[in-house]
Amino acid sequence: MSNTERHTHARKMVTFMRDEIPLAQTMDLSLHDCDEQQLSLAAPLGPNINDKGCAFGGSLVSVMTLNGWGLVELELRLRGLECDVFVGESTVRYLEPVWEDFISEARLAESADWVTFFDTLATRGRARVEVLCRVPGTGEKPAATLEARFVAKRRSPDAV
């Protein structure tokens, strides 16, 4: 699949996210970039600001969670698979304040791979995958990180 096709699918997925998840609309999320390894979302500071003038921690974790969900959802959509995707567990770390518009980057954890995920999904109708998300910081280190396990469950053929 070409990068242009991947971007088209990613834009449609972000539009779906904004239409179906009110928080994504309120946070004004948009597609920043994507390729075969990662998906990144952008969020302006304005609707995600706290009383100190920096990004609200709840917004940071929400953007990273939606970003990880979006990475898994995008890969499913690219293969024409309809699944319910949800976060099974996650750990967030806040490492420095974010004082401007920000992005979140999501990719698979080093121990995870799509082949195993999709083989398990085909066999069991359900699979999980580890995803790492980060909001870049001012230097080499990220401002925030999220380590999460996302679960996909195939929808039954008669599901609405």
N, C-alpha and C. Protein backbone atom coordinates (compact mmCIF):
# COMPACT_ATOMS: atom_id res chain seq x y z
N MET A 1 0.84 -1.17 0.00
CA MET A 1 0.00 0.00 0.00
C MET A 1 0.89 1.24 0.00
N SER A 2 0.50 2.21 -0.82
CA SER A 2 1.29 3.44 -0.91
C SER A 2 1.05 4.32 0.31
N ASN A 3 1.98 5.23 0.54
CA ASN A 3 1.84 6.17 1.66
C ASN A 3 0.61 7.06 1.47
N THR A 4 0.30 7.41 0.20
CA THR A 4 -0.87 8.23 -0.09
C THR A 4 -2.15 7.50 0.32
N GLU A 5 -2.25 6.21 0.00
CA GLU A 5 -3.42 5.42 0.39
C GLU A 5 -3.52 5.31 1.92
N ARG A 6 -2.39 5.09 2.56
CA ARG A 6 -2.37 4.99 4.02
C ARG A 6 -2.85 6.31 4.64
N HIS A 7 -2.37 7.44 4.12
CA HIS A 7 -2.79 8.75 4.61
C HIS A 7 -4.29 8.96 4.41
N THR A 8 -4.81 8.52 3.27
CA THR A 8 -6.25 8.65 3.01
C THR A 8 -7.04 7.87 4.04
N HIS A 9 -6.65 6.64 4.32
CA HIS A 9 -7.33 5.82 5.33
C HIS A 9 -7.18 6.45 6.72
N ALA A 10 -6.00 6.98 7.01
CA ALA A 10 -5.77 7.60 8.32
C ALA A 10 -6.64 8.85 8.49
N ARG A 11 -6.76 9.66 7.45
CA ARG A 11 -7.62 10.85 7.53
C ARG A 11 -9.08 10.45 7.77
N LYS A 12 -9.55 9.41 7.08
CA LYS A 12 -10.92 8.93 7.27
C LYS A 12 -11.11 8.41 8.70
N MET A 13 -10.11 7.73 9.23
CA MET A 13 -10.20 7.20 10.58
C MET A 13 -10.26 8.34 11.61
N VAL A 14 -9.47 9.40 11.40
CA VAL A 14 -9.49 10.54 12.32
C VAL A 14 -10.83 11.27 12.21
N THR A 15 -11.38 11.37 11.02
CA THR A 15 -12.71 11.97 10.86
C THR A 15 -13.74 11.15 11.62
N PHE A 16 -13.66 9.83 11.51
CA PHE A 16 -14.56 8.94 12.26
C PHE A 16 -14.39 9.19 13.77
N MET A 17 -13.15 9.26 14.21
CA MET A 17 -12.85 9.48 15.62
C MET A 17 -13.50 10.78 16.11
N ARG A 18 -13.35 11.85 15.32
CA ARG A 18 -13.92 13.14 15.70
C ARG A 18 -15.45 13.11 15.68
N ASP A 19 -16.02 12.37 14.74
CA ASP A 19 -17.48 12.28 14.63
C ASP A 19 -18.10 11.41 15.73
N GLU A 20 -17.42 10.35 16.14
CA GLU A 20 -18.00 9.36 17.04
C GLU A 20 -17.52 9.44 18.48
N ILE A 21 -16.44 10.17 18.71
CA ILE A 21 -15.91 10.32 20.07
C ILE A 21 -15.89 11.82 20.38
N PRO A 22 -16.91 12.30 21.07
CA PRO A 22 -17.02 13.76 21.30
C PRO A 22 -15.75 14.40 21.86
N LEU A 23 -15.03 13.70 22.71
CA LEU A 23 -13.81 14.25 23.27
C LEU A 23 -12.79 14.58 22.18
N ALA A 24 -12.68 13.74 21.16
CA ALA A 24 -11.73 13.97 20.07
C ALA A 24 -12.08 15.26 19.33
N GLN A 25 -13.37 15.53 19.15
CA GLN A 25 -13.81 16.76 18.51
C GLN A 25 -13.48 17.96 19.40
N THR A 26 -13.81 17.86 20.67
CA THR A 26 -13.57 18.96 21.61
C THR A 26 -12.08 19.27 21.73
N MET A 27 -11.25 18.24 21.70
CA MET A 27 -9.81 18.43 21.80
C MET A 27 -9.21 18.93 20.50
N ASP A 28 -10.02 18.93 19.42
CA ASP A 28 -9.61 19.40 18.09
C ASP A 28 -8.45 18.59 17.52
N LEU A 29 -8.53 17.26 17.67
CA LEU A 29 -7.49 16.37 17.15
C LEU A 29 -7.48 16.37 15.62
N SER A 30 -6.29 16.21 15.08
CA SER A 30 -6.14 16.09 13.63
C SER A 30 -4.99 15.13 13.33
N LEU A 31 -4.97 14.63 12.12
CA LEU A 31 -3.88 13.76 11.68
C LEU A 31 -2.64 14.61 11.49
N HIS A 32 -1.54 14.17 12.09
CA HIS A 32 -0.27 14.85 11.89
C HIS A 32 0.53 14.14 10.81
N ASP A 33 0.68 12.81 10.95
CA ASP A 33 1.46 12.03 9.99
C ASP A 33 1.21 10.55 10.22
N CYS A 34 1.56 9.76 9.24
CA CYS A 34 1.54 8.31 9.41
C CYS A 34 2.43 7.66 8.36
N ASP A 35 2.93 6.50 8.71
CA ASP A 35 3.66 5.65 7.78
C ASP A 35 3.48 4.22 8.26
N GLU A 36 4.24 3.28 7.73
CA GLU A 36 4.06 1.87 8.09
C GLU A 36 4.43 1.58 9.54
N GLN A 37 5.18 2.47 10.18
CA GLN A 37 5.65 2.24 11.54
C GLN A 37 4.88 2.99 12.60
N GLN A 38 4.29 4.14 12.26
CA GLN A 38 3.70 4.98 13.29
C GLN A 38 2.52 5.78 12.77
N LEU A 39 1.74 6.26 13.73
CA LEU A 39 0.64 7.19 13.48
C LEU A 39 0.81 8.32 14.47
N SER A 40 0.70 9.55 14.01
CA SER A 40 0.80 10.67 14.95
C SER A 40 -0.39 11.62 14.76
N LEU A 41 -0.89 12.09 15.90
CA LEU A 41 -2.01 13.01 15.95
C LEU A 41 -1.53 14.34 16.51
N ALA A 42 -2.16 15.42 16.07
CA ALA A 42 -1.84 16.77 16.55
C ALA A 42 -3.00 17.30 17.37
N ALA A 43 -2.66 18.09 18.38
CA ALA A 43 -3.67 18.74 19.22
C ALA A 43 -3.20 20.16 19.55
N PRO A 44 -4.06 21.15 19.35
CA PRO A 44 -3.69 22.50 19.73
C PRO A 44 -3.77 22.68 21.24
N LEU A 45 -2.97 23.57 21.76
CA LEU A 45 -2.96 23.80 23.21
C LEU A 45 -4.29 24.38 23.70
N GLY A 46 -4.87 25.30 22.94
CA GLY A 46 -6.07 26.03 23.37
C GLY A 46 -7.14 25.21 24.06
N PRO A 47 -7.72 24.19 23.40
CA PRO A 47 -8.78 23.43 24.06
C PRO A 47 -8.26 22.38 25.05
N ASN A 48 -6.95 22.29 25.20
CA ASN A 48 -6.33 21.27 26.04
C ASN A 48 -5.48 21.87 27.16
N ILE A 49 -5.75 23.11 27.48
CA ILE A 49 -4.92 23.86 28.44
C ILE A 49 -5.44 23.69 29.87
N ASN A 50 -4.54 23.80 30.82
CA ASN A 50 -4.95 23.76 32.24
C ASN A 50 -4.84 25.16 32.85
N ASP A 51 -5.05 25.25 34.14
CA ASP A 51 -5.03 26.54 34.84
C ASP A 51 -3.63 27.15 34.94
N LYS A 52 -2.60 26.39 34.61
CA LYS A 52 -1.23 26.89 34.67
C LYS A 52 -0.73 27.37 33.31
N GLY A 53 -1.54 27.15 32.27
CA GLY A 53 -1.16 27.58 30.93
C GLY A 53 -0.45 26.52 30.11
N CYS A 54 -0.31 25.32 30.66
CA CYS A 54 0.30 24.23 29.90
C CYS A 54 -0.77 23.17 29.61
N ALA A 55 -0.40 22.15 28.86
CA ALA A 55 -1.36 21.10 28.49
C ALA A 55 -1.85 20.36 29.73
N PHE A 56 -3.14 20.17 29.81
CA PHE A 56 -3.80 19.42 30.88
C PHE A 56 -3.37 17.95 30.79
N GLY A 57 -2.98 17.37 31.92
CA GLY A 57 -2.56 15.97 31.93
C GLY A 57 -3.62 15.03 31.38
N GLY A 58 -4.88 15.33 31.66
CA GLY A 58 -5.97 14.51 31.13
C GLY A 58 -6.04 14.56 29.62
N SER A 59 -5.72 15.71 29.05
CA SER A 59 -5.68 15.82 27.58
C SER A 59 -4.51 15.03 27.01
N LEU A 60 -3.35 15.11 27.67
CA LEU A 60 -2.20 14.36 27.17
C LEU A 60 -2.48 12.86 27.14
N VAL A 61 -3.01 12.33 28.24
CA VAL A 61 -3.29 10.89 28.28
C VAL A 61 -4.41 10.54 27.31
N SER A 62 -5.39 11.42 27.15
CA SER A 62 -6.48 11.14 26.22
C SER A 62 -5.98 11.11 24.77
N VAL A 63 -5.15 12.08 24.41
CA VAL A 63 -4.61 12.10 23.04
C VAL A 63 -3.77 10.84 22.79
N MET A 64 -2.92 10.48 23.76
CA MET A 64 -2.09 9.28 23.56
C MET A 64 -2.95 8.02 23.49
N THR A 65 -3.99 7.92 24.31
CA THR A 65 -4.87 6.75 24.27
C THR A 65 -5.60 6.68 22.94
N LEU A 66 -6.14 7.81 22.48
CA LEU A 66 -6.81 7.83 21.18
C LEU A 66 -5.82 7.52 20.05
N ASN A 67 -4.59 7.97 20.21
CA ASN A 67 -3.55 7.70 19.21
C ASN A 67 -3.23 6.21 19.13
N GLY A 68 -3.07 5.56 20.27
CA GLY A 68 -2.82 4.12 20.28
C GLY A 68 -4.00 3.35 19.72
N TRP A 69 -5.22 3.73 20.13
CA TRP A 69 -6.43 3.12 19.60
C TRP A 69 -6.47 3.30 18.09
N GLY A 70 -6.15 4.52 17.64
CA GLY A 70 -6.17 4.82 16.22
C GLY A 70 -5.17 3.99 15.42
N LEU A 71 -4.00 3.75 15.98
CA LEU A 71 -3.00 2.92 15.30
C LEU A 71 -3.54 1.53 15.05
N VAL A 72 -4.15 0.93 16.07
CA VAL A 72 -4.71 -0.42 15.92
C VAL A 72 -5.90 -0.39 14.97
N GLU A 73 -6.79 0.57 15.14
CA GLU A 73 -7.97 0.70 14.28
C GLU A 73 -7.57 0.88 12.82
N LEU A 74 -6.56 1.69 12.56
CA LEU A 74 -6.10 1.92 11.20
C LEU A 74 -5.61 0.62 10.56
N GLU A 75 -4.81 -0.14 11.27
CA GLU A 75 -4.29 -1.40 10.71
C GLU A 75 -5.44 -2.38 10.41
N LEU A 76 -6.44 -2.40 11.27
CA LEU A 76 -7.62 -3.25 11.02
C LEU A 76 -8.36 -2.79 9.77
N ARG A 77 -8.58 -1.49 9.67
CA ARG A 77 -9.30 -0.94 8.52
C ARG A 77 -8.55 -1.18 7.22
N LEU A 78 -7.22 -1.08 7.26
CA LEU A 78 -6.42 -1.31 6.05
C LEU A 78 -6.59 -2.74 5.54
N ARG A 79 -6.97 -3.65 6.43
CA ARG A 79 -7.17 -5.06 6.06
C ARG A 79 -8.65 -5.40 5.90
N GLY A 80 -9.51 -4.39 6.01
CA GLY A 80 -10.94 -4.61 5.85
C GLY A 80 -11.59 -5.38 6.98
N LEU A 81 -11.02 -5.35 8.17
CA LEU A 81 -11.54 -6.09 9.31
C LEU A 81 -12.35 -5.18 10.23
N GLU A 82 -13.51 -5.66 10.64
CA GLU A 82 -14.36 -4.91 11.56
C GLU A 82 -14.26 -5.52 12.95
N CYS A 83 -13.68 -4.74 13.85
CA CYS A 83 -13.48 -5.19 15.23
C CYS A 83 -13.83 -4.08 16.18
N ASP A 84 -14.13 -4.46 17.40
CA ASP A 84 -14.22 -3.50 18.49
C ASP A 84 -12.84 -3.45 19.13
N VAL A 85 -12.30 -2.26 19.26
CA VAL A 85 -10.97 -2.06 19.82
C VAL A 85 -11.11 -1.27 21.11
N PHE A 86 -10.45 -1.76 22.15
CA PHE A 86 -10.48 -1.04 23.41
C PHE A 86 -9.14 -1.18 24.11
N VAL A 87 -8.87 -0.23 25.01
CA VAL A 87 -7.64 -0.28 25.78
C VAL A 87 -7.87 -1.23 26.95
N GLY A 88 -6.99 -2.20 27.11
CA GLY A 88 -7.11 -3.16 28.20
C GLY A 88 -6.42 -2.68 29.47
N GLU A 89 -5.28 -2.05 29.29
CA GLU A 89 -4.56 -1.47 30.42
C GLU A 89 -3.54 -0.49 29.88
N SER A 90 -3.16 0.46 30.73
CA SER A 90 -2.16 1.44 30.30
C SER A 90 -1.45 2.04 31.50
N THR A 91 -0.26 2.53 31.22
CA THR A 91 0.54 3.24 32.21
C THR A 91 1.01 4.53 31.57
N VAL A 92 0.75 5.64 32.24
CA VAL A 92 1.15 6.94 31.72
C VAL A 92 2.22 7.54 32.62
N ARG A 93 3.14 8.28 31.99
CA ARG A 93 4.17 9.01 32.73
C ARG A 93 4.21 10.44 32.19
N TYR A 94 4.18 11.39 33.10
CA TYR A 94 4.29 12.80 32.75
C TYR A 94 5.69 13.24 33.14
N LEU A 95 6.47 13.67 32.16
CA LEU A 95 7.89 13.94 32.41
C LEU A 95 8.26 15.41 32.38
N GLU A 96 7.49 16.22 31.66
CA GLU A 96 7.71 17.68 31.66
C GLU A 96 6.45 18.36 31.14
N PRO A 97 6.24 19.63 31.52
CA PRO A 97 5.06 20.35 31.04
C PRO A 97 5.14 20.58 29.53
N VAL A 98 3.98 20.67 28.90
CA VAL A 98 3.88 20.97 27.47
C VAL A 98 3.24 22.35 27.35
N TRP A 99 3.97 23.30 26.79
CA TRP A 99 3.54 24.70 26.78
C TRP A 99 3.03 25.18 25.43
N GLU A 100 2.89 24.28 24.48
CA GLU A 100 2.44 24.69 23.13
C GLU A 100 1.65 23.56 22.48
N ASP A 101 1.15 23.81 21.28
CA ASP A 101 0.47 22.75 20.53
C ASP A 101 1.36 21.52 20.56
N PHE A 102 0.76 20.34 20.55
CA PHE A 102 1.58 19.14 20.69
C PHE A 102 1.11 18.02 19.76
N ILE A 103 1.98 17.05 19.61
CA ILE A 103 1.64 15.85 18.86
C ILE A 103 1.85 14.63 19.75
N SER A 104 1.18 13.57 19.38
CA SER A 104 1.36 12.27 20.02
C SER A 104 1.77 11.30 18.92
N GLU A 105 2.76 10.49 19.21
CA GLU A 105 3.25 9.49 18.25
C GLU A 105 2.99 8.10 18.82
N ALA A 106 2.40 7.23 18.01
CA ALA A 106 2.12 5.86 18.46
C ALA A 106 2.80 4.87 17.52
N ARG A 107 3.35 3.83 18.12
CA ARG A 107 3.96 2.73 17.36
C ARG A 107 3.87 1.47 18.21
N LEU A 108 4.07 0.34 17.57
CA LEU A 108 4.07 -0.92 18.32
C LEU A 108 5.27 -0.97 19.26
N ALA A 109 5.09 -1.63 20.39
CA ALA A 109 6.21 -1.89 21.29
C ALA A 109 7.19 -2.81 20.57
N GLU A 110 8.44 -2.79 20.99
CA GLU A 110 9.46 -3.63 20.34
C GLU A 110 9.12 -5.11 20.39
N SER A 111 8.43 -5.53 21.43
CA SER A 111 8.08 -6.95 21.59
C SER A 111 6.84 -7.35 20.79
N ALA A 112 6.18 -6.41 20.14
CA ALA A 112 4.93 -6.69 19.43
C ALA A 112 5.14 -6.69 17.92
N ASP A 113 4.26 -7.38 17.22
CA ASP A 113 4.29 -7.33 15.76
C ASP A 113 2.88 -7.59 15.21
N TRP A 114 2.64 -7.02 14.04
CA TRP A 114 1.31 -7.15 13.43
C TRP A 114 1.02 -8.57 12.98
N VAL A 115 2.02 -9.31 12.54
CA VAL A 115 1.80 -10.69 12.06
C VAL A 115 1.19 -11.54 13.18
N THR A 116 1.79 -11.51 14.35
CA THR A 116 1.27 -12.28 15.48
C THR A 116 -0.13 -11.80 15.86
N PHE A 117 -0.32 -10.50 15.90
CA PHE A 117 -1.62 -9.92 16.24
C PHE A 117 -2.70 -10.42 15.28
N PHE A 118 -2.45 -10.31 13.98
CA PHE A 118 -3.48 -10.70 13.01
C PHE A 118 -3.66 -12.22 12.91
N ASP A 119 -2.60 -12.99 13.12
CA ASP A 119 -2.74 -14.45 13.18
C ASP A 119 -3.61 -14.86 14.36
N THR A 120 -3.38 -14.26 15.51
CA THR A 120 -4.19 -14.55 16.71
C THR A 120 -5.63 -14.13 16.49
N LEU A 121 -5.84 -12.98 15.90
CA LEU A 121 -7.19 -12.49 15.63
C LEU A 121 -7.93 -13.46 14.70
N ALA A 122 -7.25 -13.95 13.67
CA ALA A 122 -7.87 -14.89 12.73
C ALA A 122 -8.21 -16.21 13.41
N THR A 123 -7.36 -16.66 14.30
CA THR A 123 -7.55 -17.94 14.98
C THR A 123 -8.58 -17.87 16.10
N ARG A 124 -8.48 -16.84 16.92
CA ARG A 124 -9.30 -16.77 18.13
C ARG A 124 -10.45 -15.75 18.07
N GLY A 125 -10.41 -14.87 17.07
CA GLY A 125 -11.43 -13.84 16.99
C GLY A 125 -11.18 -12.68 17.92
N ARG A 126 -10.03 -12.72 18.58
CA ARG A 126 -9.67 -11.70 19.57
C ARG A 126 -8.14 -11.70 19.66
N ALA A 127 -7.56 -10.51 19.80
CA ALA A 127 -6.10 -10.42 19.93
C ALA A 127 -5.75 -9.13 20.68
N ARG A 128 -4.55 -9.14 21.23
CA ARG A 128 -4.08 -7.94 21.93
C ARG A 128 -2.69 -7.58 21.41
N VAL A 129 -2.36 -6.30 21.56
CA VAL A 129 -1.08 -5.82 21.07
C VAL A 129 -0.61 -4.67 21.96
N GLU A 130 0.68 -4.63 22.20
CA GLU A 130 1.29 -3.59 23.02
C GLU A 130 1.67 -2.40 22.13
N VAL A 131 1.29 -1.20 22.58
CA VAL A 131 1.54 0.02 21.83
C VAL A 131 2.24 1.02 22.74
N LEU A 132 3.19 1.74 22.18
CA LEU A 132 3.89 2.81 22.90
C LEU A 132 3.52 4.14 22.26
N CYS A 133 3.16 5.10 23.09
CA CYS A 133 2.84 6.44 22.62
C CYS A 133 3.71 7.44 23.37
N ARG A 134 4.00 8.53 22.69
CA ARG A 134 4.80 9.57 23.35
C ARG A 134 4.43 10.93 22.80
N VAL A 135 4.50 11.91 23.68
CA VAL A 135 4.41 13.31 23.30
C VAL A 135 5.84 13.83 23.38
N PRO A 136 6.42 14.26 22.25
CA PRO A 136 7.80 14.74 22.30
C PRO A 136 7.95 15.92 23.25
N GLY A 137 9.11 15.98 23.88
CA GLY A 137 9.42 17.07 24.80
C GLY A 137 10.30 18.11 24.14
N THR A 138 10.88 18.96 24.95
CA THR A 138 11.73 20.04 24.43
C THR A 138 13.11 19.55 24.02
N GLY A 139 13.55 18.44 24.57
CA GLY A 139 14.87 17.89 24.23
C GLY A 139 14.73 16.50 23.66
N GLU A 140 15.66 15.65 24.01
CA GLU A 140 15.65 14.26 23.54
C GLU A 140 14.56 13.43 24.20
N LYS A 141 14.24 13.75 25.46
CA LYS A 141 13.28 12.96 26.21
C LYS A 141 11.86 13.40 25.90
N PRO A 142 10.90 12.46 26.00
CA PRO A 142 9.50 12.84 25.77
C PRO A 142 8.93 13.64 26.94
N ALA A 143 7.87 14.39 26.67
CA ALA A 143 7.16 15.12 27.72
C ALA A 143 6.22 14.19 28.46
N ALA A 144 5.68 13.18 27.75
CA ALA A 144 4.78 12.21 28.36
C ALA A 144 4.84 10.91 27.55
N THR A 145 4.60 9.80 28.22
CA THR A 145 4.58 8.50 27.55
C THR A 145 3.36 7.70 28.02
N LEU A 146 2.93 6.81 27.17
CA LEU A 146 1.86 5.88 27.49
C LEU A 146 2.26 4.51 26.96
N GLU A 147 2.27 3.52 27.83
CA GLU A 147 2.45 2.14 27.43
C GLU A 147 1.10 1.48 27.61
N ALA A 148 0.56 0.88 26.55
CA ALA A 148 -0.80 0.36 26.63
C ALA A 148 -0.94 -0.96 25.89
N ARG A 149 -1.88 -1.74 26.37
CA ARG A 149 -2.28 -2.97 25.69
C ARG A 149 -3.67 -2.72 25.12
N PHE A 150 -3.79 -2.85 23.81
CA PHE A 150 -5.07 -2.70 23.15
C PHE A 150 -5.57 -4.08 22.73
N VAL A 151 -6.87 -4.26 22.84
CA VAL A 151 -7.52 -5.52 22.51
C VAL A 151 -8.48 -5.28 21.35
N ALA A 152 -8.45 -6.17 20.39
CA ALA A 152 -9.40 -6.14 19.27
C ALA A 152 -10.22 -7.41 19.32
N LYS A 153 -11.51 -7.25 19.16
CA LYS A 153 -12.43 -8.39 19.15
C LYS A 153 -13.28 -8.31 17.88
N ARG A 154 -13.25 -9.38 17.10
CA ARG A 154 -14.05 -9.41 15.86
C ARG A 154 -15.51 -9.25 16.19
N ARG A 155 -16.20 -8.46 15.39
CA ARG A 155 -17.64 -8.29 15.57
C ARG A 155 -18.34 -9.52 15.00
N SER A 156 -19.40 -9.93 15.65
CA SER A 156 -20.16 -11.07 15.13
C SER A 156 -20.87 -10.61 13.85
N PRO A 157 -21.08 -11.53 12.91
CA PRO A 157 -21.70 -11.15 11.63
C PRO A 157 -23.07 -10.51 11.78
N ASP A 158 -23.81 -10.85 12.83
CA ASP A 158 -25.15 -10.29 13.00
C ASP A 158 -25.16 -9.07 13.91
N ALA A 159 -23.97 -8.56 14.28
CA ALA A 159 -23.90 -7.35 15.13
C ALA A 159 -24.34 -6.13 14.32
N VAL A 160 -24.96 -5.21 15.01
CA VAL A 160 -25.44 -3.99 14.34
C VAL A 160 -24.31 -3.02 14.16
